[in-house]
């Protein structure tokens, strides 16, 4: 039978070893262990000193052992006090570190601060003690007190490690409440390095990121500019400029463009492309992704995104070429979860391409190559889309319904897939009912509520659409899609025009380059009788995004201004883009035009 002592023995091994080391250190420091025998005291005195040293080290051993046992039995406060006392009496750095660790493990940052300050008092030049102090002060949110330990930490770092340390500072201060003060502390600590060509860019980026996190957009922009003056190709500066653009700081665009011109990291250019897509600038996004494929032809994610954008623009041959290139790259990669996921997405893309070509058999065969797994709902949705393309809508709906839903999220995704099928088939009321059931499963999901509002309009429920958009704006005042949709709804009806303009202006403030929001502003200006301003806005929107509905609005303004030939040319372009667009066809019919 194992005794209680034997069960506890492994826990105490570290304590015993530490105590033994401390005893050895203390003993080796005694005068009797010095090699200069001429300095030894008289024999009797020497014997007394040896007895005193033996008592001291034995007492230390016992105190350390008791401190560890007390801590392991659930009383870290008492254990901390014993270990810290032993550290003070021995001056051993390992005991100071152990006392600090006990305090931190028991979530007592104040006790840890006491220990580490005692450690630094005993060992003023200890790098480890200073590092502990810095992190503890940050954890205690005592940002102003971190200036000196931060400066010491920077001074301790080697020249090779210093750039990495500086880049890590925003993460160190990520949880403090006053990010602006943290930026000031870093700026003060790095004052003599801010103009250095090597260290200046990461220093200004660290300052800029903390200013950005604290809401100081102008300060973050200023830091990014200073960083780029020192190095226009610095990747972290490019990433900061992108972050500023994502926060709506348009003045950061020249910084990002300058960085992109110098051979950027592909992730940053792709991030910019994503931002363009979010802003409705599909053509510009596609240009950025194509540039990425030229600069980094082995970057698989760029080929996948490029194929998706080309498919959205009905560029089927180009999309197929992009997917083929992606498949070649994936063929040469070792097996991994990421590779399989990209391969599955490529097969889904090939299925969509052949579905659009009307080759439903080949579209099904691509789907059959995707193994069962996490994409089962995506695969089944593609199977359903193929059935719907052949006019078998009910069979398509049933195929999605047959997929088991293990969570409410999966049930919501099923309903969204069915709503999309019904919408594409023109069965708007059923689509609205399906999306409404999905929205009920996630009542605070603004994207889903927006989708519900758009289908409410298609189904003829304009009152519900207006109410849903109002609810989204109440929850998220900066949700620009809802602001734009409600403003456009009122403008199209010719009612509440000043309020409509105000809503669309708010939407433009969030997404100033979105051509569809610009189109809405042009349309409300037209409704207000400001035809010249409407023409300028709509021409700008159509230049950014050639879209049939924008063509309908632009042509009507041109028609109203007496520019009949220009209007007919605009409508002909719109019909080539989408000959079945209901807004465009209704506009042409209402005005009695013959494009």
Protein backbone atom coordinates (compact mmCIF):
# COMPACT_ATOMS: atom_id res chain seq x y z
CA UNK A 1 0.00 0.00 0.00
CA UNK A 2 1.33 3.43 -0.97
CA UNK A 3 1.71 5.79 1.95
CA UNK A 4 0.48 9.40 1.99
CA UNK A 5 4.10 10.52 2.16
CA UNK A 6 4.95 8.55 -1.00
CA UNK A 7 2.00 10.08 -2.86
CA UNK A 8 3.17 13.58 -1.95
CA UNK A 9 6.83 12.91 -2.71
CA UNK A 10 6.74 13.79 -6.45
CA UNK A 11 5.16 17.17 -5.64
CA UNK A 12 7.96 17.99 -3.23
CA UNK A 13 10.82 16.96 -5.51
CA UNK A 14 11.21 20.46 -6.94
CA UNK A 15 11.06 22.01 -3.48
CA UNK A 16 13.75 19.67 -2.14
CA UNK A 17 15.99 20.28 -5.14
CA UNK A 18 15.53 24.04 -4.86
CA UNK A 19 16.24 24.01 -1.15
CA UNK A 20 19.35 21.89 -1.66
CA UNK A 21 20.62 24.27 -4.32
CA UNK A 22 20.05 27.24 -2.04
CA UNK A 23 21.91 25.48 0.77
CA UNK A 24 24.81 24.80 -1.58
CA UNK A 25 24.82 28.42 -2.73
CA UNK A 26 24.75 29.72 0.83
CA UNK A 27 27.50 27.32 1.93
CA UNK A 28 29.76 28.18 -0.98
CA UNK A 29 29.47 31.84 -0.06
CA UNK A 30 30.84 31.29 3.48
CA UNK A 31 34.42 32.46 4.27
CA UNK A 32 35.52 28.92 5.13
CA UNK A 33 35.10 27.94 1.47
CA UNK A 34 37.46 30.60 0.13
CA UNK A 35 40.79 29.30 -1.19
CA UNK A 36 42.87 32.04 0.49
CA UNK A 37 43.84 30.22 3.72
CA UNK A 38 45.71 33.27 5.04
CA UNK A 39 42.37 35.03 5.52
CA UNK A 40 40.81 32.28 7.60
CA UNK A 41 39.82 33.21 11.15
CA UNK A 42 41.25 31.46 14.21
CA UNK A 43 40.09 27.81 14.54
CA UNK A 44 37.63 28.37 17.36
CA UNK A 45 35.94 31.25 15.58
CA UNK A 46 35.84 29.26 12.36
CA UNK A 47 34.02 26.40 14.09
CA UNK A 48 31.43 28.80 15.46
CA UNK A 49 30.85 30.33 12.01
CA UNK A 50 30.43 26.92 10.41
CA UNK A 51 27.81 25.98 12.99
CA UNK A 52 25.94 29.25 12.28
CA UNK A 53 26.04 28.63 8.52
CA UNK A 54 24.76 25.10 9.03
CA UNK A 55 21.88 26.45 11.16
CA UNK A 56 21.02 29.06 8.53
CA UNK A 57 20.98 26.66 5.59
CA UNK A 58 19.04 24.04 7.52
CA UNK A 59 16.49 26.68 8.48
CA UNK A 60 16.25 27.80 4.85
CA UNK A 61 15.76 24.23 3.72
CA UNK A 62 12.93 23.77 6.20
CA UNK A 63 11.30 27.11 5.32
CA UNK A 64 11.34 26.41 1.57
CA UNK A 65 10.01 22.92 2.11
CA UNK A 66 7.25 24.19 4.38
CA UNK A 67 6.37 26.95 1.91
CA UNK A 68 6.00 24.47 -0.94
CA UNK A 69 3.98 22.03 1.17
CA UNK A 70 1.70 24.83 2.35
CA UNK A 71 1.15 25.99 -1.22
CA UNK A 72 0.43 22.47 -2.48
CA UNK A 73 -2.16 22.01 0.30
CA UNK A 74 -4.19 24.98 -0.94
CA UNK A 75 -2.77 27.87 1.11
CA UNK A 76 -0.70 29.81 -1.46
CA UNK A 77 -0.83 33.00 0.62
CA UNK A 78 1.06 31.42 3.51
CA UNK A 79 3.36 29.52 1.14
CA UNK A 80 4.16 32.74 -0.74
CA UNK A 81 5.11 34.48 2.53
CA UNK A 82 7.46 31.66 3.54
CA UNK A 83 9.19 31.46 0.15
CA UNK A 84 9.54 35.25 -0.09
CA UNK A 85 11.06 35.37 3.41
CA UNK A 86 13.52 32.65 2.40
CA UNK A 87 14.37 34.62 -0.73
CA UNK A 88 15.05 37.80 1.25
CA UNK A 89 17.26 36.01 3.74
CA UNK A 90 19.22 34.06 1.12
CA UNK A 91 19.23 36.58 -1.71
CA UNK A 92 18.65 33.70 -4.14
CA UNK A 93 17.01 34.78 -7.43
CA UNK A 94 15.34 31.38 -7.87
CA UNK A 95 13.40 31.86 -4.65
CA UNK A 96 12.27 35.35 -5.68
CA UNK A 97 11.07 33.91 -8.96
CA UNK A 98 9.26 31.08 -7.17
CA UNK A 99 7.54 33.49 -4.79
CA UNK A 100 6.43 35.60 -7.75
CA UNK A 101 5.12 32.55 -9.59
CA UNK A 102 3.13 31.38 -6.55
CA UNK A 103 1.48 34.80 -6.30
CA UNK A 104 0.67 34.84 -10.02
CA UNK A 105 -0.71 31.30 -9.96
CA UNK A 106 -3.00 32.27 -7.10
CA UNK A 107 -4.10 35.37 -9.12
CA UNK A 108 -2.65 37.79 -6.61
CA UNK A 109 -0.93 40.34 -8.80
CA UNK A 110 -0.37 42.73 -5.88
CA UNK A 111 1.56 40.03 -3.99
CA UNK A 112 3.50 39.26 -7.15
CA UNK A 113 4.39 42.94 -7.39
CA UNK A 114 5.71 42.92 -3.81
CA UNK A 115 7.86 39.88 -4.59
CA UNK A 116 9.27 41.20 -7.83
CA UNK A 117 10.10 44.59 -6.31
CA UNK A 118 12.00 42.81 -3.53
CA UNK A 119 13.71 40.75 -6.21
CA UNK A 120 14.82 43.86 -8.08
CA UNK A 121 16.01 45.47 -4.85
CA UNK A 122 18.18 42.43 -4.21
CA UNK A 123 19.21 42.02 -7.87
CA UNK A 124 18.95 45.47 -9.50
CA UNK A 125 20.33 44.27 -12.83
CA UNK A 126 18.17 41.15 -13.16
CA UNK A 127 16.64 40.98 -16.63
CA UNK A 128 14.13 38.33 -15.53
CA UNK A 129 12.97 40.42 -12.57
CA UNK A 130 12.48 43.47 -14.78
CA UNK A 131 10.49 41.44 -17.30
CA UNK A 132 8.24 40.12 -14.53
CA UNK A 133 7.77 43.65 -13.21
CA UNK A 134 6.75 45.02 -16.59
CA UNK A 135 4.15 42.34 -17.20
CA UNK A 136 2.72 42.56 -13.70
CA UNK A 137 2.33 46.34 -13.92
CA UNK A 138 0.53 45.92 -17.25
CA UNK A 139 -1.73 43.25 -15.73
CA UNK A 140 -2.55 45.65 -12.88
CA UNK A 141 -3.38 48.35 -15.45
CA UNK A 142 -0.72 50.63 -13.95
CA UNK A 143 0.36 51.85 -17.37
CA UNK A 144 2.11 55.02 -16.25
CA UNK A 145 4.43 52.97 -14.00
CA UNK A 146 5.67 50.85 -16.90
CA UNK A 147 7.86 53.52 -18.52
CA UNK A 148 11.07 52.70 -16.65
CA UNK A 149 10.81 48.89 -16.78
CA UNK A 150 9.93 49.16 -20.47
CA UNK A 151 13.02 51.26 -21.10
CA UNK A 152 15.15 48.73 -19.22
CA UNK A 153 13.59 45.88 -21.22
CA UNK A 154 14.44 47.66 -24.47
CA UNK A 155 17.98 48.36 -23.29
CA UNK A 156 18.45 44.69 -22.34
CA UNK A 157 17.44 43.46 -25.80
CA UNK A 158 20.07 42.65 -28.39
CA UNK A 159 20.16 44.58 -31.66
CA UNK A 160 18.83 41.51 -33.47
CA UNK A 161 15.90 41.04 -31.07
CA UNK A 162 14.91 44.70 -30.67
CA UNK A 163 12.67 45.03 -33.79
CA UNK A 164 10.70 41.92 -32.78
CA UNK A 165 10.32 43.21 -29.22
CA UNK A 166 9.03 46.57 -30.46
CA UNK A 167 6.52 44.91 -32.78
CA UNK A 168 5.20 42.90 -29.82
CA UNK A 169 4.45 45.94 -27.64
CA UNK A 170 0.84 46.45 -28.84
CA UNK A 171 0.10 42.87 -27.77
CA UNK A 172 1.70 43.48 -24.36
CA UNK A 173 -0.60 46.48 -23.75
CA UNK A 174 -3.62 45.01 -25.55
CA UNK A 175 -5.77 44.67 -22.39
CA UNK A 176 -5.02 47.94 -20.63
CA UNK A 177 -7.94 50.34 -20.38
CA UNK A 178 -6.12 53.48 -21.53
CA UNK A 179 -4.59 52.63 -24.91
CA UNK A 180 -3.72 56.28 -25.51
CA UNK A 181 -1.60 56.39 -22.37
CA UNK A 182 0.07 53.13 -23.41
CA UNK A 183 0.95 54.74 -26.75
CA UNK A 184 2.47 57.69 -24.90
CA UNK A 185 4.54 55.37 -22.69
CA UNK A 186 5.87 53.51 -25.72
CA UNK A 187 6.63 56.78 -27.53
CA UNK A 188 8.53 58.04 -24.49
CA UNK A 189 10.45 54.78 -24.07
CA UNK A 190 11.38 54.71 -27.77
CA UNK A 191 12.05 58.45 -28.10
CA UNK A 192 15.68 58.03 -29.13
CA UNK A 193 14.82 55.34 -31.71
CA UNK A 194 11.88 56.96 -33.55
CA UNK A 195 14.06 58.38 -36.33
CA UNK A 196 16.10 55.22 -36.80
CA UNK A 197 15.58 53.74 -40.31
CA UNK A 198 15.42 50.21 -38.89
CA UNK A 199 13.65 50.71 -35.56
CA UNK A 200 11.57 53.78 -36.38
CA UNK A 201 8.95 52.03 -38.57
CA UNK A 202 8.07 49.26 -36.06
CA UNK A 203 8.11 51.85 -33.26
CA UNK A 204 5.66 54.18 -35.04
CA UNK A 205 3.49 51.22 -36.05
CA UNK A 206 3.34 50.04 -32.42
CA UNK A 207 2.32 53.55 -31.35
CA UNK A 208 -0.17 53.78 -34.20
CA UNK A 209 -1.84 50.47 -33.39
CA UNK A 210 -2.38 51.44 -29.78
CA UNK A 211 -3.72 54.85 -30.83
CA UNK A 212 -6.07 53.09 -33.23
CA UNK A 213 -7.20 50.67 -30.51
CA UNK A 214 -7.89 53.69 -28.30
CA UNK A 215 -10.01 55.39 -30.97
CA UNK A 216 -7.44 58.07 -31.85
CA UNK A 217 -7.78 57.73 -35.63
CA UNK A 218 -5.92 60.96 -36.43
CA UNK A 219 -3.05 59.97 -34.16
CA UNK A 220 -2.86 56.52 -35.72
CA UNK A 221 -2.82 58.05 -39.21
CA UNK A 222 0.00 60.42 -38.18
CA UNK A 223 2.03 57.48 -36.83
CA UNK A 224 1.50 55.52 -40.06
CA UNK A 225 2.70 58.49 -42.11
CA UNK A 226 5.85 58.86 -40.00
CA UNK A 227 6.55 55.14 -40.30
CA UNK A 228 6.19 55.24 -44.07
CA UNK A 229 8.51 58.23 -44.38
CA UNK A 230 11.23 56.02 -42.92
CA UNK A 231 10.40 52.93 -44.99
CA UNK A 232 7.73 52.95 -47.72
CA UNK A 233 7.88 49.16 -48.07
CA UNK A 234 7.43 48.24 -44.41
CA UNK A 235 4.79 45.49 -44.23
CA UNK A 236 3.52 46.44 -40.79
CA UNK A 237 2.95 50.01 -41.97
CA UNK A 238 0.96 48.69 -44.92
CA UNK A 239 -1.13 46.58 -42.56
CA UNK A 240 -1.78 49.61 -40.33
CA UNK A 241 -2.87 51.66 -43.35
CA UNK A 242 -5.30 48.88 -44.28
CA UNK A 243 -6.67 48.81 -40.73
CA UNK A 244 -7.24 52.56 -40.91
CA UNK A 245 -9.10 52.20 -44.20
CA UNK A 246 -11.26 49.51 -42.64
CA UNK A 247 -12.13 52.02 -39.93
CA UNK A 248 -13.18 54.54 -42.57
CA UNK A 249 -10.07 56.77 -42.54
CA UNK A 250 -9.92 57.64 -46.25
CA UNK A 251 -6.70 59.65 -45.78
CA UNK A 252 -4.90 56.33 -45.28
CA UNK A 253 -5.55 55.31 -48.89
CA UNK A 254 -2.44 57.08 -50.33
CA UNK A 255 -0.32 55.31 -47.72
CA UNK A 256 -1.72 51.93 -48.71
CA UNK A 257 -1.38 52.63 -52.44
CA UNK A 258 2.26 53.65 -51.94
CA UNK A 259 2.90 50.42 -50.05
CA UNK A 260 1.08 48.29 -52.63
CA UNK A 261 3.23 49.78 -55.39
CA UNK A 262 6.38 48.36 -53.79
CA UNK A 263 5.77 44.60 -53.87
CA UNK A 264 3.55 43.99 -50.82
CA UNK A 265 2.79 40.90 -48.80
CA UNK A 266 -0.04 39.03 -50.58
CA UNK A 267 -2.20 38.96 -47.44
CA UNK A 268 -2.30 42.76 -47.34
CA UNK A 269 -3.25 43.14 -51.00
CA UNK A 270 -5.90 40.45 -50.55
CA UNK A 271 -7.18 42.29 -47.48
CA UNK A 272 -7.52 45.40 -49.61
CA UNK A 273 -9.40 43.37 -52.23
CA UNK A 274 -11.79 42.16 -49.55
CA UNK A 275 -12.36 45.76 -48.48
CA UNK A 276 -13.18 46.69 -52.08
CA UNK A 277 -15.67 43.83 -52.34
CA UNK A 278 -17.34 44.97 -49.12
CA UNK A 279 -17.60 48.43 -50.68
CA UNK A 280 -19.26 47.07 -53.82
CA UNK A 281 -16.20 47.68 -56.02
CA UNK A 282 -16.03 44.25 -57.61
CA UNK A 283 -14.04 45.27 -60.68
CA UNK A 284 -11.35 47.01 -58.63
CA UNK A 285 -11.19 44.06 -56.26
CA UNK A 286 -10.68 41.72 -59.17
CA UNK A 287 -7.78 43.84 -60.42
CA UNK A 288 -6.09 43.61 -57.01
CA UNK A 289 -6.51 39.83 -56.88
CA UNK A 290 -5.18 39.45 -60.43
CA UNK A 291 -2.14 41.51 -59.43
CA UNK A 292 -1.61 39.15 -56.49
CA UNK A 293 -1.65 36.13 -58.82
CA UNK A 294 1.04 37.81 -60.96
CA UNK A 295 3.21 38.83 -58.01
CA UNK A 296 2.73 35.57 -56.09
CA UNK A 297 1.65 32.90 -58.59
CA UNK A 298 1.91 30.15 -55.97
CA UNK A 299 -0.53 31.86 -53.57
CA UNK A 300 -3.51 29.49 -53.79
CA UNK A 301 -6.03 31.66 -51.94
CA UNK A 302 -5.72 34.38 -54.59
CA UNK A 303 -6.66 31.97 -57.38
CA UNK A 304 -9.72 30.82 -55.46
CA UNK A 305 -10.92 34.38 -54.81
CA UNK A 306 -10.20 35.38 -58.40
CA UNK A 307 -12.29 32.48 -59.71
CA UNK A 308 -15.15 33.49 -57.41
CA UNK A 309 -15.08 37.12 -58.60
CA UNK A 310 -14.88 36.05 -62.24
CA UNK A 311 -17.83 33.72 -61.73
CA UNK A 312 -19.87 36.56 -60.23
CA UNK A 313 -19.15 38.59 -63.36
CA UNK A 314 -20.22 35.63 -65.56
CA UNK A 315 -16.65 35.31 -66.87
CA UNK A 316 -16.93 31.53 -67.06
CA UNK A 317 -13.88 30.75 -69.19
CA UNK A 318 -11.64 32.97 -67.07
CA UNK A 319 -13.05 31.42 -63.89
CA UNK A 320 -12.35 27.93 -65.23
CA UNK A 321 -8.76 28.89 -66.06
CA UNK A 322 -8.27 30.24 -62.51
CA UNK A 323 -9.68 27.08 -60.91
CA UNK A 324 -7.50 24.88 -63.13
CA UNK A 325 -4.43 26.81 -61.98
CA UNK A 326 -5.55 26.39 -58.37
CA UNK A 327 -5.97 22.64 -58.85
CA UNK A 328 -2.43 22.38 -60.27
CA UNK A 329 -1.01 24.16 -57.25
CA UNK A 330 -2.96 22.00 -54.82
CA UNK A 331 -1.81 18.82 -56.59
CA UNK A 332 1.81 19.64 -55.66
CA UNK A 333 1.06 20.36 -52.00
CA UNK A 334 1.35 17.75 -49.21
CA UNK A 335 -1.82 16.43 -47.63
CA UNK A 336 -3.30 18.72 -44.99
CA UNK A 337 -6.61 19.97 -43.73
CA UNK A 338 -6.11 23.33 -45.43
CA UNK A 339 -5.27 21.67 -48.75
CA UNK A 340 -8.40 19.51 -48.61
CA UNK A 341 -10.57 22.50 -47.77
CA UNK A 342 -9.20 24.45 -50.75
CA UNK A 343 -9.66 21.41 -52.99
CA UNK A 344 -13.29 21.05 -51.89
CA UNK A 345 -13.93 24.73 -52.62
CA UNK A 346 -12.32 24.37 -56.05
CA UNK A 347 -14.59 21.43 -56.86
CA UNK A 348 -17.62 23.43 -55.75
CA UNK A 349 -16.48 26.24 -58.06
CA UNK A 350 -16.11 23.87 -61.00
CA UNK A 351 -19.61 22.56 -60.32
CA UNK A 352 -21.01 26.10 -60.39
CA UNK A 353 -19.22 26.88 -63.65
CA UNK A 354 -20.64 23.80 -65.41
CA UNK A 355 -24.07 24.43 -63.90
CA UNK A 356 -24.06 27.93 -65.45
CA UNK A 357 -23.04 26.37 -68.76
CA UNK A 358 -26.02 24.02 -68.53
CA UNK A 359 -23.87 20.89 -68.22
CA UNK A 360 -25.68 19.53 -65.17
CA UNK A 361 -24.23 16.04 -65.46
CA UNK A 362 -20.64 17.30 -65.22
CA UNK A 363 -21.67 19.68 -62.44
CA UNK A 364 -22.91 16.67 -60.44
CA UNK A 365 -19.76 14.70 -61.12
CA UNK A 366 -17.60 17.47 -59.64
CA UNK A 367 -19.71 17.37 -56.47
CA UNK A 368 -19.37 13.59 -56.24
CA UNK A 369 -15.60 14.02 -55.85
CA UNK A 370 -16.01 15.96 -52.59
CA UNK A 371 -15.66 13.61 -49.61
CA UNK A 372 -18.32 13.52 -46.92
CA UNK A 373 -17.47 15.88 -44.09
CA UNK A 374 -17.91 19.41 -42.89
CA UNK A 375 -19.10 20.71 -46.29
CA UNK A 376 -22.11 18.41 -46.59
CA UNK A 377 -24.61 21.28 -46.50
CA UNK A 378 -22.65 23.29 -49.11
CA UNK A 379 -22.48 20.23 -51.35
CA UNK A 380 -26.17 19.48 -50.93
CA UNK A 381 -27.01 23.11 -51.66
CA UNK A 382 -25.11 22.79 -54.95
CA UNK A 383 -26.97 19.56 -55.76
CA UNK A 384 -30.19 21.43 -55.06
CA UNK A 385 -29.15 24.36 -57.27
CA UNK A 386 -28.51 21.93 -60.12
CA UNK A 387 -31.98 20.45 -59.68
CA UNK A 388 -33.45 23.95 -59.57
CA UNK A 389 -31.61 24.85 -62.78
CA UNK A 390 -33.52 22.03 -64.44
CA UNK A 391 -36.81 23.38 -63.11
CA UNK A 392 -37.13 20.79 -60.33
CA UNK A 393 -37.57 23.32 -57.51
CA UNK A 394 -39.56 21.10 -55.16
CA UNK A 395 -37.03 18.27 -55.50
CA UNK A 396 -34.26 20.80 -54.79
CA UNK A 397 -36.00 22.01 -51.64
CA UNK A 398 -36.56 18.44 -50.48
CA UNK A 399 -32.89 17.55 -51.00
CA UNK A 400 -31.83 20.36 -48.67
CA UNK A 401 -34.52 19.46 -46.18
CA UNK A 402 -33.16 15.90 -46.06
CA UNK A 403 -29.78 17.07 -44.72
CA UNK A 404 -29.72 16.51 -40.94
CA UNK A 405 -29.21 19.65 -38.89
CA UNK A 406 -27.33 18.99 -35.66
CA UNK A 407 -27.36 22.60 -34.44
CA UNK A 408 -29.55 25.67 -34.74
CA UNK A 409 -26.81 27.20 -36.93
CA UNK A 410 -27.09 24.34 -39.41
CA UNK A 411 -30.89 24.61 -39.37
CA UNK A 412 -30.56 28.31 -40.14
CA UNK A 413 -28.16 27.60 -42.99
CA UNK A 414 -30.61 25.10 -44.47
CA UNK A 415 -33.41 27.66 -44.40
CA UNK A 416 -31.15 30.28 -45.99
CA UNK A 417 -30.23 27.86 -48.79
CA UNK A 418 -33.91 27.13 -49.43
CA UNK A 419 -34.74 30.83 -49.40
CA UNK A 420 -32.06 31.45 -52.04
CA UNK A 421 -33.48 28.71 -54.28
CA UNK A 422 -36.99 30.12 -53.93
CA UNK A 423 -35.77 33.65 -54.61
CA UNK A 424 -33.93 32.58 -57.76
CA UNK A 425 -37.11 30.83 -58.89
CA UNK A 426 -39.16 33.99 -58.33
CA UNK A 427 -41.21 32.43 -55.51
CA UNK A 428 -40.73 35.44 -53.29
CA UNK A 429 -43.44 34.82 -50.72
CA UNK A 430 -42.12 31.34 -49.94
CA UNK A 431 -38.57 32.71 -49.88
CA UNK A 432 -39.65 35.39 -47.41
CA UNK A 433 -41.30 32.81 -45.16
CA UNK A 434 -38.17 30.62 -45.20
CA UNK A 435 -35.82 33.49 -44.38
CA UNK A 436 -38.16 34.68 -41.64
CA UNK A 437 -37.92 31.26 -39.96
CA UNK A 438 -34.13 31.47 -40.25
CA UNK A 439 -34.09 34.96 -38.76
CA UNK A 440 -36.20 33.77 -35.82
CA UNK A 441 -33.33 31.42 -34.90
CA UNK A 442 -30.89 34.36 -34.66
CA UNK A 443 -32.98 37.43 -33.79
CA UNK A 444 -30.00 39.78 -33.40
CA UNK A 445 -28.17 38.78 -36.57
CA UNK A 446 -28.25 42.00 -38.60
CA UNK A 447 -27.06 40.39 -41.82
CA UNK A 448 -29.88 37.86 -41.66
CA UNK A 449 -32.42 40.55 -40.77
CA UNK A 450 -31.23 42.59 -43.76
CA UNK A 451 -31.69 39.58 -46.04
CA UNK A 452 -35.18 39.17 -44.59
CA UNK A 453 -35.96 42.84 -45.29
CA UNK A 454 -34.86 42.53 -48.92
CA UNK A 455 -37.10 39.51 -49.44
CA UNK A 456 -39.98 41.28 -47.70
CA UNK A 457 -39.74 43.96 -50.39
CA UNK A 458 -39.66 41.33 -53.15
CA UNK A 459 -42.73 39.64 -51.64
CA UNK A 460 -44.62 42.92 -51.53
CA UNK A 461 -44.43 43.42 -47.76
CA UNK A 462 -43.07 46.96 -47.82
CA UNK A 463 -44.28 47.75 -44.30
CA UNK A 464 -42.40 44.74 -42.90
CA UNK A 465 -39.32 45.74 -44.90
CA UNK A 466 -39.39 49.24 -43.45
CA UNK A 467 -39.87 47.93 -39.92
CA UNK A 468 -37.03 45.41 -40.24
CA UNK A 469 -34.62 48.04 -41.57
CA UNK A 470 -35.58 50.38 -38.74
CA UNK A 471 -34.86 47.65 -36.18
CA UNK A 472 -31.42 47.00 -37.69
CA UNK A 473 -30.55 50.70 -37.61
CA UNK A 474 -31.70 50.93 -34.00
CA UNK A 475 -29.40 48.03 -33.04
CA UNK A 476 -26.51 49.07 -35.28
CA UNK A 477 -26.65 52.78 -36.25
CA UNK A 478 -23.65 52.40 -38.60
CA UNK A 479 -24.98 49.40 -40.54
CA UNK A 480 -24.67 51.07 -43.93
CA UNK A 481 -26.61 48.47 -45.94
CA UNK A 482 -29.74 49.11 -43.87
CA UNK A 483 -29.24 52.89 -43.94
CA UNK A 484 -28.93 52.80 -47.71
CA UNK A 485 -31.87 50.45 -48.24
CA UNK A 486 -34.28 52.47 -46.12
CA UNK A 487 -33.14 55.75 -47.68
CA UNK A 488 -33.54 54.29 -51.16
CA UNK A 489 -36.98 52.89 -50.30
CA UNK A 490 -38.22 56.34 -49.32
CA UNK A 491 -36.54 57.98 -52.32
CA UNK A 492 -38.06 55.48 -54.75
CA UNK A 493 -41.48 56.15 -53.27
CA UNK A 494 -40.87 59.88 -53.46
CA UNK A 495 -41.55 60.32 -49.74
CA UNK A 496 -39.55 61.56 -46.73
CA UNK A 497 -36.91 62.79 -49.16
CA UNK A 498 -34.89 64.91 -46.69
CA UNK A 499 -34.81 61.97 -44.25
CA UNK A 500 -33.90 59.64 -47.12
CA UNK A 501 -30.98 61.85 -48.09
CA UNK A 502 -29.78 61.97 -44.46
CA UNK A 503 -29.85 58.16 -44.17
CA UNK A 504 -27.98 57.67 -47.44
CA UNK A 505 -25.43 60.30 -46.40
CA UNK A 506 -24.79 58.30 -43.22
CA UNK A 507 -24.36 55.17 -45.33
CA UNK A 508 -21.89 56.96 -47.62
CA UNK A 509 -19.89 58.09 -44.59
CA UNK A 510 -19.39 54.40 -43.73
CA UNK A 511 -18.74 53.22 -47.31
CA UNK A 512 -17.83 56.27 -49.40
CA UNK A 513 -16.76 54.29 -52.47
CA UNK A 514 -19.75 51.94 -52.66
CA UNK A 515 -21.28 52.52 -56.12
CA UNK A 516 -24.71 51.29 -55.06
CA UNK A 517 -24.92 53.79 -52.21
CA UNK A 518 -23.69 56.49 -54.59
CA UNK A 519 -26.49 55.39 -56.93
CA UNK A 520 -29.01 55.81 -54.10
CA UNK A 521 -27.74 59.31 -53.39
CA UNK A 522 -28.02 60.17 -57.08
CA UNK A 523 -31.56 58.85 -57.13
CA UNK A 524 -32.67 60.85 -54.09
CA UNK A 525 -31.11 64.00 -55.57
CA UNK A 526 -33.09 63.35 -58.76
CA UNK A 527 -36.27 62.97 -56.73
CA UNK A 528 -35.48 66.27 -55.00
CA UNK A 529 -35.13 67.96 -58.39
CA UNK A 530 -31.34 68.36 -58.29
CA UNK A 531 -30.81 66.88 -61.75
CA UNK A 532 -27.26 68.09 -62.40
CA UNK A 533 -26.02 66.74 -59.08
CA UNK A 534 -27.91 63.49 -59.66
CA UNK A 535 -26.26 63.11 -63.09
CA UNK A 536 -22.77 63.53 -61.65
CA UNK A 537 -23.38 60.99 -58.88
CA UNK A 538 -24.96 58.39 -61.16
CA UNK A 539 -22.23 58.72 -63.79
CA UNK A 540 -19.65 58.17 -61.04
CA UNK A 541 -21.51 55.10 -59.74
CA UNK A 542 -21.88 53.58 -63.24
CA UNK A 543 -18.18 54.16 -63.98
CA UNK A 544 -17.24 52.18 -60.87
CA UNK A 545 -19.82 49.42 -61.27
CA UNK A 546 -21.55 48.77 -64.58
CA UNK A 547 -24.90 47.55 -63.28
CA UNK A 548 -28.31 47.33 -64.98
CA UNK A 549 -30.19 49.07 -62.18
CA UNK A 550 -27.70 51.95 -62.01
CA UNK A 551 -28.08 52.18 -65.80
CA UNK A 552 -31.84 52.51 -65.35
CA UNK A 553 -31.43 55.48 -62.99
CA UNK A 554 -28.67 57.18 -65.00
CA UNK A 555 -30.64 56.83 -68.22
CA UNK A 556 -33.75 58.33 -66.65
CA UNK A 557 -31.81 61.38 -65.42
CA UNK A 558 -30.25 61.80 -68.86
CA UNK A 559 -33.70 61.48 -70.41
CA UNK A 560 -35.10 64.14 -68.05
CA UNK A 561 -32.23 66.49 -68.97
CA UNK A 562 -32.99 66.09 -72.67
CA UNK A 563 -29.94 63.92 -73.32
CA UNK A 564 -32.01 61.35 -75.21
CA UNK A 565 -29.25 59.70 -77.25
CA UNK A 566 -27.06 59.36 -74.12
CA UNK A 567 -29.98 57.83 -72.23
CA UNK A 568 -30.65 55.29 -74.98
CA UNK A 569 -26.95 54.35 -75.07
CA UNK A 570 -26.89 53.91 -71.28
CA UNK A 571 -29.97 51.68 -71.35
CA UNK A 572 -28.52 49.57 -74.17
CA UNK A 573 -25.43 48.97 -72.00
CA UNK A 574 -27.69 48.04 -69.12
CA UNK A 575 -29.65 45.55 -71.21
CA UNK A 576 -26.42 43.91 -72.34
CA UNK A 577 -25.51 43.49 -68.66
CA UNK A 578 -28.89 42.07 -67.66
CA UNK A 579 -31.66 42.01 -70.21
CA UNK A 580 -34.18 40.80 -67.61
CA UNK A 581 -33.60 43.48 -64.96
CA UNK A 582 -37.09 44.51 -63.87
CA UNK A 583 -36.16 48.06 -62.85
CA UNK A 584 -34.47 48.77 -66.18
CA UNK A 585 -37.23 47.28 -68.31
CA UNK A 586 -39.94 49.07 -66.30
CA UNK A 587 -38.12 52.40 -66.67
CA UNK A 588 -37.79 52.04 -70.43
CA UNK A 589 -41.44 51.05 -70.77
CA UNK A 590 -42.70 53.89 -68.53
CA UNK A 591 -40.79 56.50 -70.53
CA UNK A 592 -41.81 55.02 -73.90
CA UNK A 593 -38.22 54.72 -75.06
CA UNK A 594 -36.90 52.36 -77.74
CA UNK A 595 -33.21 51.65 -76.99
